[in-house]
């Protein structure tokens, strides 16, 4: 089993807001993503979602509040909670979520990624 270098893996992600699968464990994907700008408001009815910031600063907005995550910090968004990730500058994040999780939750639009690539 080879070790993983996060810098190398993030350098293999050409597009913003397009998560890539880096590992699978216990029915979960460990996804890596480069983010910048605002995502859409969405929720995941059946899955919790973990955001771990590796580099940069990520805001997770909720309808009545907001959390700011910096490198080395994480937040678990519970299933059913509407949220919107926002990154003023590019941020690198690790997402840990069930393999069934779709990045846009219940919404399907041009940002929905159903066929995730492995890196």
Protein backbone atom coordinates (compact mmCIF):
# COMPACT_ATOMS: atom_id res chain seq x y z
CA UNK A 1 0.00 0.00 0.00
CA UNK A 2 1.70 3.20 -1.13
CA UNK A 3 1.58 6.35 0.96
CA UNK A 4 -0.19 9.41 -0.43
CA UNK A 5 1.35 12.84 -0.87
CA UNK A 6 -1.44 15.42 -0.70
CA UNK A 7 0.47 18.13 -2.59
CA UNK A 8 1.02 15.76 -5.50
CA UNK A 9 -2.62 14.70 -5.50
CA UNK A 10 -3.97 18.27 -5.38
CA UNK A 11 -1.69 19.17 -8.32
CA UNK A 12 -3.53 16.50 -10.37
CA UNK A 13 -6.90 18.26 -10.01
CA UNK A 14 -7.28 20.63 -12.97
CA UNK A 15 -10.77 22.01 -12.26
CA UNK A 16 -12.26 23.91 -9.34
CA UNK A 17 -15.32 22.37 -7.63
CA UNK A 18 -14.61 18.99 -9.22
CA UNK A 19 -13.78 16.52 -6.43
CA UNK A 20 -11.51 13.56 -7.10
CA UNK A 21 -11.43 10.28 -5.20
CA UNK A 22 -8.11 9.64 -3.47
CA UNK A 23 -9.12 6.62 -1.36
CA UNK A 24 -12.01 4.39 -0.30
CA UNK A 25 -12.46 3.02 3.20
CA UNK A 26 -15.40 1.42 4.99
CA UNK A 27 -17.99 2.57 2.45
CA UNK A 28 -16.60 6.12 2.44
CA UNK A 29 -14.69 8.06 -0.17
CA UNK A 30 -11.86 10.35 0.79
CA UNK A 31 -12.16 13.07 -1.84
CA UNK A 32 -9.85 15.95 -2.61
CA UNK A 33 -11.07 19.20 -4.13
CA UNK A 34 -9.80 22.63 -5.09
CA UNK A 35 -12.39 25.31 -4.41
CA UNK A 36 -12.70 29.01 -5.20
CA UNK A 37 -15.79 31.20 -5.29
CA UNK A 38 -19.29 30.33 -4.13
CA UNK A 39 -20.92 26.93 -4.47
CA UNK A 40 -24.68 26.38 -4.48
CA UNK A 41 -26.96 26.06 -1.48
CA UNK A 42 -27.65 22.36 -1.01
CA UNK A 43 -28.15 19.58 1.52
CA UNK A 44 -27.59 15.85 1.74
CA UNK A 45 -30.68 14.11 3.09
CA UNK A 46 -28.99 10.80 3.90
CA UNK A 47 -25.33 11.63 4.50
CA UNK A 48 -23.14 13.65 6.83
CA UNK A 49 -20.27 15.49 5.12
CA UNK A 50 -16.83 16.26 6.56
CA UNK A 51 -14.81 19.23 5.29
CA UNK A 52 -11.12 19.28 6.31
CA UNK A 53 -9.12 22.29 5.12
CA UNK A 54 -5.58 21.46 4.03
CA UNK A 55 -4.69 24.87 2.59
CA UNK A 56 -6.47 28.23 2.59
CA UNK A 57 -9.68 29.35 4.25
CA UNK A 58 -13.18 28.00 3.65
CA UNK A 59 -16.47 29.46 4.82
CA UNK A 60 -19.35 27.08 5.34
CA UNK A 61 -22.48 29.18 5.26
CA UNK A 62 -25.72 28.11 6.87
CA UNK A 63 -28.99 30.01 6.53
CA UNK A 64 -28.54 31.68 9.95
CA UNK A 65 -24.81 31.37 10.63
CA UNK A 66 -21.38 30.77 9.16
CA UNK A 67 -18.24 28.86 10.16
CA UNK A 68 -14.77 29.77 8.92
CA UNK A 69 -12.32 26.88 8.55
CA UNK A 70 -8.58 27.40 8.23
CA UNK A 71 -5.81 24.92 7.43
CA UNK A 72 -5.90 22.04 9.92
CA UNK A 73 -9.56 22.59 10.88
CA UNK A 74 -12.60 20.53 9.97
CA UNK A 75 -16.36 20.61 10.27
CA UNK A 76 -19.00 17.92 9.92
CA UNK A 77 -22.19 19.12 8.27
CA UNK A 78 -24.97 16.83 9.54
CA UNK A 79 -27.32 15.21 7.07
CA UNK A 80 -30.27 17.38 6.12
CA UNK A 81 -28.57 20.69 6.98
CA UNK A 82 -28.59 23.20 4.13
CA UNK A 83 -25.17 24.74 3.53
CA UNK A 84 -23.00 26.54 0.99
CA UNK A 85 -19.19 26.41 0.82
CA UNK A 86 -17.51 29.70 -0.11
CA UNK A 87 -13.80 30.27 -0.77
CA UNK A 88 -12.61 33.81 -1.50
CA UNK A 89 -9.19 32.48 -2.51
CA UNK A 90 -8.33 28.97 -3.65
CA UNK A 91 -8.63 26.39 -0.89
CA UNK A 92 -7.68 22.71 -0.82
CA UNK A 93 -10.06 20.45 1.09
CA UNK A 94 -10.46 16.82 2.00
CA UNK A 95 -14.03 15.55 1.97
CA UNK A 96 -14.95 12.37 3.78
CA UNK A 97 -18.39 11.09 2.92
CA UNK A 98 -20.31 7.95 1.95
CA UNK A 99 -19.69 6.69 -1.59
CA UNK A 100 -23.30 7.58 -2.46
CA UNK A 101 -22.84 11.29 -1.73
CA UNK A 102 -23.33 13.64 -4.69
CA UNK A 103 -21.54 16.99 -4.43
CA UNK A 104 -24.71 19.03 -5.05
CA UNK A 105 -26.93 16.97 -2.76
CA UNK A 106 -30.49 16.75 -4.05
CA UNK A 107 -29.91 19.40 -6.75
CA UNK A 108 -28.78 18.52 -10.27
CA UNK A 109 -27.18 21.30 -12.30
CA UNK A 110 -23.99 22.10 -14.26
CA UNK A 111 -21.87 21.69 -11.09
CA UNK A 112 -23.12 18.19 -10.32
CA UNK A 113 -20.39 15.57 -10.62
CA UNK A 114 -21.75 12.02 -10.86
CA UNK A 115 -18.79 10.25 -12.46
CA UNK A 116 -15.89 11.09 -10.16
CA UNK A 117 -12.37 10.34 -11.30
CA UNK A 118 -9.73 8.64 -9.16
CA UNK A 119 -6.36 10.28 -8.62
